[in-house]
Amino acid sequence: MRINEAGEMRDLNIRIGEELKKHPEKRIFWFIYEGRKIWVKQTESVRNERWLRFARCACLVLGLGILQPGVNPNGKKALHFETGRLDRLARRGVGVPEVYASGDGWLALADCGARVSELVGRADVPFSQKEEMLSSGAEDLARLHALGLHHGRPALKDMMWDGTRVMLIDFEDGILIGLPREKRILRDVLLFVQSIFKEAGADADRLAETVFRVYAGRQPHYAARACTYFGRLDALYLFLKIFLRHTGSDLESVYRTLAFFRSGGDGR
């Protein structure tokens, strides 16, 4: 749906205003407008802001800036940043949802299907479809990196499947201090692969290997650099292996991801 006329835009904004009044506390909600599902995101209030800042400083002090959290404590600023970024990426051919409208503290987007994180963990979804979805996500991530840009948090929950291709969403996580372009991109690769190990269950090893091969086919330099850089995090790898890997799914998936890169990206 394209909003081209001033009258159409005015009517849509009026409707969005009505929906915002109905859902003042909802971070994300949807409604139907002229037969289309429209999603509205509102400003996120960041909890534990002190812990967020501490974690970022700790990563920088320890020389692990590439692992720092990327959440912007200023939710309104983050949403404004995302709005502009989506428009720019769409013009450059990256798969992102269409921005219908935006305002003070909100953003209205086209529906893009189901979350990839929900689909890859389902037993009733064929393995071939999971491969197709994640390969599409890898191609779009590679396309983004080819532009010299990074996502910030390309987890599977931030990818949507419309039945034919993946759309990248949630570009609010982009505040990375003291990181050059290459490390921002390598961080994307790390988070993408880690999310596969976290969400894909018994299929994770095969999917990670296949999808990383797709990414490497388009971005061989960054794929090789990811294996080299993350494969050398010996202290973190051993610490997770000995003490923390069994304390939760996040840390277990980080351990498996580091092991994956240490193997050269083939899971062996």
Protein backbone atom coordinates (compact mmCIF):
# COMPACT_ATOMS: atom_id res chain seq x y z
CA MET A 1 0.00 0.00 0.00
CA ARG A 2 1.46 3.33 -1.04
CA ILE A 3 0.28 6.52 0.58
CA ASN A 4 0.66 9.12 -2.15
CA GLU A 5 -2.10 11.66 -1.69
CA ALA A 6 -2.19 14.26 1.07
CA GLY A 7 -5.77 13.29 1.88
CA GLU A 8 -4.86 9.62 2.26
CA MET A 9 -1.97 10.50 4.56
CA ARG A 10 -4.21 12.75 6.64
CA ASP A 11 -6.83 10.01 7.01
CA LEU A 12 -4.21 7.44 7.97
CA ASN A 13 -2.67 9.76 10.57
CA ILE A 14 -6.11 10.41 12.07
CA ARG A 15 -6.70 6.67 12.34
CA ILE A 16 -3.29 6.09 13.89
CA GLY A 17 -4.03 8.83 16.43
CA GLU A 18 -7.25 7.04 17.38
CA GLU A 19 -5.41 3.73 17.76
CA LEU A 20 -2.69 5.32 19.89
CA LYS A 21 -5.34 6.54 22.30
CA LYS A 22 -6.67 2.97 22.56
CA HIS A 23 -3.22 1.51 23.25
CA PRO A 24 -1.28 4.14 25.24
CA GLU A 25 0.82 1.57 27.10
CA LYS A 26 1.45 -0.91 24.30
CA ARG A 27 4.96 -0.88 22.88
CA ILE A 28 3.79 -2.58 19.64
CA PHE A 29 0.28 -3.16 18.32
CA TRP A 30 -1.51 -3.59 15.00
CA PHE A 31 -4.77 -2.63 13.37
CA ILE A 32 -6.47 -3.11 10.00
CA TYR A 33 -6.69 -0.15 7.65
CA GLU A 34 -8.25 -0.50 4.18
CA GLY A 35 -7.73 -4.23 4.29
CA ARG A 36 -4.06 -4.04 5.33
CA LYS A 37 -2.47 -4.88 8.65
CA ILE A 38 -0.43 -1.96 9.96
CA TRP A 39 1.98 -2.26 12.88
CA VAL A 40 2.65 0.67 15.20
CA LYS A 41 5.75 0.91 17.37
CA GLN A 42 5.89 3.33 20.24
CA THR A 43 8.89 4.66 22.12
CA GLU A 44 10.46 2.08 24.37
CA SER A 45 11.29 2.98 27.96
CA VAL A 46 14.67 1.42 28.68
CA ARG A 47 14.75 -0.34 32.01
CA ASN A 48 17.95 -0.86 33.99
CA GLU A 49 19.66 2.02 32.26
CA ARG A 50 22.46 2.05 34.83
CA TRP A 51 23.16 -1.61 34.23
CA LEU A 52 23.18 -0.97 30.47
CA ARG A 53 25.76 1.78 30.84
CA PHE A 54 27.83 -0.34 33.24
CA ALA A 55 27.82 -3.31 30.85
CA ARG A 56 28.93 -1.09 27.98
CA CYS A 57 31.75 0.44 30.03
CA ALA A 58 32.86 -2.99 31.28
CA CYS A 59 33.09 -4.32 27.72
CA LEU A 60 35.15 -1.34 26.66
CA VAL A 61 37.51 -1.57 29.66
CA LEU A 62 38.02 -5.30 29.09
CA GLY A 63 38.79 -4.77 25.42
CA LEU A 64 35.56 -6.49 24.37
CA GLY A 65 33.84 -3.50 22.83
CA ILE A 66 32.51 -5.72 20.06
CA LEU A 67 30.32 -7.46 22.67
CA GLN A 68 28.85 -4.26 24.14
CA PRO A 69 25.05 -3.84 24.25
CA GLY A 70 23.79 -1.58 21.49
CA VAL A 71 20.54 -0.35 23.06
CA ASN A 72 20.05 3.40 22.98
CA PRO A 73 18.89 4.61 26.44
CA ASN A 74 16.94 7.41 24.72
CA GLY A 75 13.95 5.55 23.32
CA LYS A 76 12.50 8.47 21.36
CA LYS A 77 15.83 9.22 19.73
CA ALA A 78 16.26 5.54 18.87
CA LEU A 79 12.85 5.37 17.17
CA HIS A 80 13.56 8.52 15.18
CA PHE A 81 16.89 7.01 14.11
CA GLU A 82 15.14 3.82 12.99
CA THR A 83 12.55 5.71 10.94
CA GLY A 84 15.15 7.49 8.86
CA ARG A 85 17.27 4.39 8.50
CA LEU A 86 14.39 2.30 7.17
CA ASP A 87 13.65 4.88 4.48
CA ARG A 88 17.29 5.02 3.40
CA LEU A 89 17.73 1.23 3.34
CA ALA A 90 14.55 0.70 1.31
CA ARG A 91 15.85 3.09 -1.34
CA ARG A 92 19.07 1.04 -1.52
CA GLY A 93 17.33 -2.29 -2.04
CA VAL A 94 17.66 -3.80 1.42
CA GLY A 95 14.65 -5.85 2.54
CA VAL A 96 12.93 -3.71 5.18
CA PRO A 97 9.26 -2.95 5.90
CA GLU A 98 7.63 0.03 4.24
CA VAL A 99 7.23 3.04 6.54
CA TYR A 100 3.65 4.26 6.19
CA ALA A 101 3.86 7.17 8.60
CA SER A 102 5.70 8.41 11.68
CA GLY A 103 5.20 10.94 14.42
CA ASP A 104 6.36 12.01 17.86
CA GLY A 105 7.19 8.75 19.60
CA TRP A 106 5.63 6.35 17.09
CA LEU A 107 6.25 4.62 13.78
CA ALA A 108 3.73 2.87 11.50
CA LEU A 109 5.00 -0.03 9.36
CA ALA A 110 3.71 -2.50 6.82
CA ASP A 111 3.12 -6.08 7.95
CA CYS A 112 5.95 -8.42 6.89
CA GLY A 113 4.67 -11.83 7.95
CA ALA A 114 5.84 -14.04 10.82
CA ARG A 115 8.94 -13.81 12.97
CA VAL A 116 11.71 -16.09 11.77
CA SER A 117 12.58 -16.92 15.39
CA GLU A 118 9.15 -18.49 15.86
CA LEU A 119 9.22 -20.45 12.60
CA VAL A 120 12.69 -22.03 12.89
CA GLY A 121 11.86 -23.61 16.24
CA ARG A 122 8.66 -25.30 15.04
CA ALA A 123 8.70 -29.01 14.30
CA ASP A 124 5.96 -28.65 11.66
CA VAL A 125 8.07 -26.31 9.50
CA PRO A 126 10.15 -28.33 6.99
CA PHE A 127 13.91 -28.09 7.25
CA SER A 128 14.08 -26.93 3.63
CA GLN A 129 11.86 -23.95 4.46
CA LYS A 130 14.00 -23.07 7.44
CA GLU A 131 17.04 -23.12 5.18
CA GLU A 132 15.25 -20.90 2.67
CA MET A 133 14.25 -18.37 5.33
CA LEU A 134 17.64 -18.13 6.97
CA SER A 135 19.47 -18.05 3.65
CA SER A 136 17.28 -15.12 2.63
CA GLY A 137 18.17 -13.42 5.90
CA ALA A 138 21.88 -14.07 5.31
CA GLU A 139 21.64 -12.57 1.82
CA ASP A 140 19.97 -9.40 3.07
CA LEU A 141 22.49 -9.08 5.89
CA ALA A 142 25.30 -9.48 3.35
CA ARG A 143 23.61 -6.88 1.14
CA LEU A 144 23.51 -4.47 4.09
CA HIS A 145 27.18 -5.13 4.86
CA ALA A 146 28.11 -4.59 1.21
CA LEU A 147 26.89 -1.01 1.69
CA GLY A 148 29.28 -0.63 4.62
CA LEU A 149 26.35 -0.58 7.06
CA HIS A 150 25.50 -2.67 10.10
CA HIS A 151 22.17 -3.70 11.61
CA GLY A 152 23.02 -3.60 15.31
CA ARG A 153 21.07 -6.67 16.42
CA PRO A 154 20.27 -9.03 13.53
CA ALA A 155 18.74 -11.73 15.70
CA LEU A 156 16.11 -14.04 14.21
CA LYS A 157 13.43 -12.25 16.23
CA ASP A 158 14.31 -9.13 14.22
CA MET A 159 13.68 -10.85 10.90
CA MET A 160 10.27 -11.44 9.33
CA TRP A 161 9.29 -14.00 6.69
CA ASP A 162 6.56 -13.06 4.22
CA GLY A 163 6.61 -16.38 2.37
CA THR A 164 9.12 -15.33 -0.27
CA ARG A 165 11.86 -13.34 1.46
CA VAL A 166 13.07 -12.09 4.81
CA MET A 167 12.61 -8.51 5.93
CA LEU A 168 14.97 -6.96 8.49
CA ILE A 169 13.29 -5.01 11.28
CA ASP A 170 14.16 -3.26 14.56
CA PHE A 171 17.07 -1.00 13.70
CA GLU A 172 16.97 0.80 17.05
CA ASP A 173 20.02 -1.02 18.44
CA GLY A 174 22.79 0.90 16.76
CA ILE A 175 24.70 2.75 19.49
CA LEU A 176 28.16 1.18 19.44
CA ILE A 177 30.96 3.18 21.02
CA GLY A 178 34.53 3.04 19.81
CA LEU A 179 33.98 0.38 17.14
CA PRO A 180 35.27 0.80 13.58
CA ARG A 181 33.04 -0.23 10.68
CA GLU A 182 34.51 -3.71 10.27
CA LYS A 183 33.95 -4.67 13.90
CA ARG A 184 30.37 -3.42 13.77
CA ILE A 185 29.78 -5.72 10.83
CA LEU A 186 31.57 -8.64 12.53
CA ARG A 187 29.33 -8.10 15.55
CA ASP A 188 26.32 -8.47 13.26
CA VAL A 189 27.67 -11.80 11.99
CA LEU A 190 28.23 -13.00 15.56
CA LEU A 191 24.71 -12.10 16.71
CA PHE A 192 23.10 -13.62 13.62
CA VAL A 193 24.84 -16.98 14.06
CA GLN A 194 24.33 -16.92 17.83
CA SER A 195 20.61 -16.41 17.31
CA ILE A 196 20.46 -19.51 15.11
CA PHE A 197 22.00 -21.58 17.88
CA LYS A 198 19.57 -20.08 20.38
CA GLU A 199 16.34 -20.47 18.40
CA ALA A 200 16.72 -23.39 15.97
CA GLY A 201 16.84 -26.31 18.42
CA ALA A 202 18.05 -29.62 17.02
CA ASP A 203 18.47 -28.11 13.53
CA ALA A 204 20.85 -25.39 14.73
CA ASP A 205 24.16 -26.98 13.72
CA ARG A 206 23.10 -27.81 10.15
CA LEU A 207 21.33 -24.49 9.67
CA ALA A 208 24.26 -22.47 10.98
CA GLU A 209 26.66 -24.22 8.64
CA THR A 210 24.42 -23.82 5.58
CA VAL A 211 23.49 -20.20 6.28
CA PHE A 212 27.03 -19.13 7.06
CA ARG A 213 28.10 -20.62 3.73
CA VAL A 214 25.46 -18.47 1.99
CA TYR A 215 26.71 -15.36 3.78
CA ALA A 216 30.34 -16.23 2.98
CA GLY A 217 29.45 -16.60 -0.68
CA ARG A 218 28.44 -12.93 -0.75
CA GLN A 219 30.83 -11.55 1.85
CA PRO A 220 33.92 -13.82 1.95
CA HIS A 221 36.07 -11.16 3.62
CA TYR A 222 33.78 -10.58 6.59
CA ALA A 223 33.05 -14.32 6.93
CA ALA A 224 36.76 -15.11 7.11
CA ARG A 225 37.41 -12.24 9.51
CA ALA A 226 34.59 -13.44 11.79
CA CYS A 227 36.15 -16.90 12.02
CA THR A 228 39.57 -15.41 12.74
CA TYR A 229 38.43 -12.79 15.26
CA PHE A 230 35.90 -14.79 17.26
CA GLY A 231 37.91 -17.99 16.94
CA ARG A 232 40.68 -16.32 18.91
CA LEU A 233 38.60 -15.34 21.94
CA ASP A 234 40.22 -18.18 23.87
CA ALA A 235 39.72 -16.80 27.38
CA LEU A 236 36.00 -16.13 26.89
CA TYR A 237 35.50 -19.48 25.18
CA LEU A 238 37.17 -21.42 28.02
CA PHE A 239 35.35 -19.39 30.69
CA LEU A 240 32.00 -20.20 29.12
CA LYS A 241 32.95 -23.83 28.60
CA ILE A 242 34.01 -24.37 32.21
CA PHE A 243 31.71 -22.14 34.23
CA LEU A 244 28.74 -20.61 32.42
CA ARG A 245 27.59 -22.53 29.36
CA HIS A 246 24.89 -24.45 31.28
CA THR A 247 23.44 -21.45 33.12
CA GLY A 248 21.04 -20.34 30.37
CA SER A 249 20.17 -20.52 26.69
CA ASP A 250 21.87 -17.21 25.87
CA LEU A 251 25.26 -18.21 27.26
CA GLU A 252 24.99 -21.74 25.88
CA SER A 253 24.33 -20.30 22.43
CA VAL A 254 27.27 -17.89 22.76
CA TYR A 255 29.53 -20.82 23.65
CA ARG A 256 28.32 -22.84 20.66
CA THR A 257 28.77 -19.82 18.41
CA LEU A 258 32.37 -19.31 19.50
CA ALA A 259 33.00 -23.03 18.98
CA PHE A 260 31.49 -22.70 15.51
CA PHE A 261 33.85 -19.89 14.53
CA ARG A 262 36.81 -21.71 16.06
CA SER A 263 36.03 -24.59 13.69
CA GLY A 264 36.17 -22.25 10.72
CA GLY A 265 32.41 -21.90 10.30
CA ASP A 266 31.62 -25.49 9.37
CA GLY A 267 30.54 -26.69 12.85
CA ARG A 268 33.10 -29.51 12.94
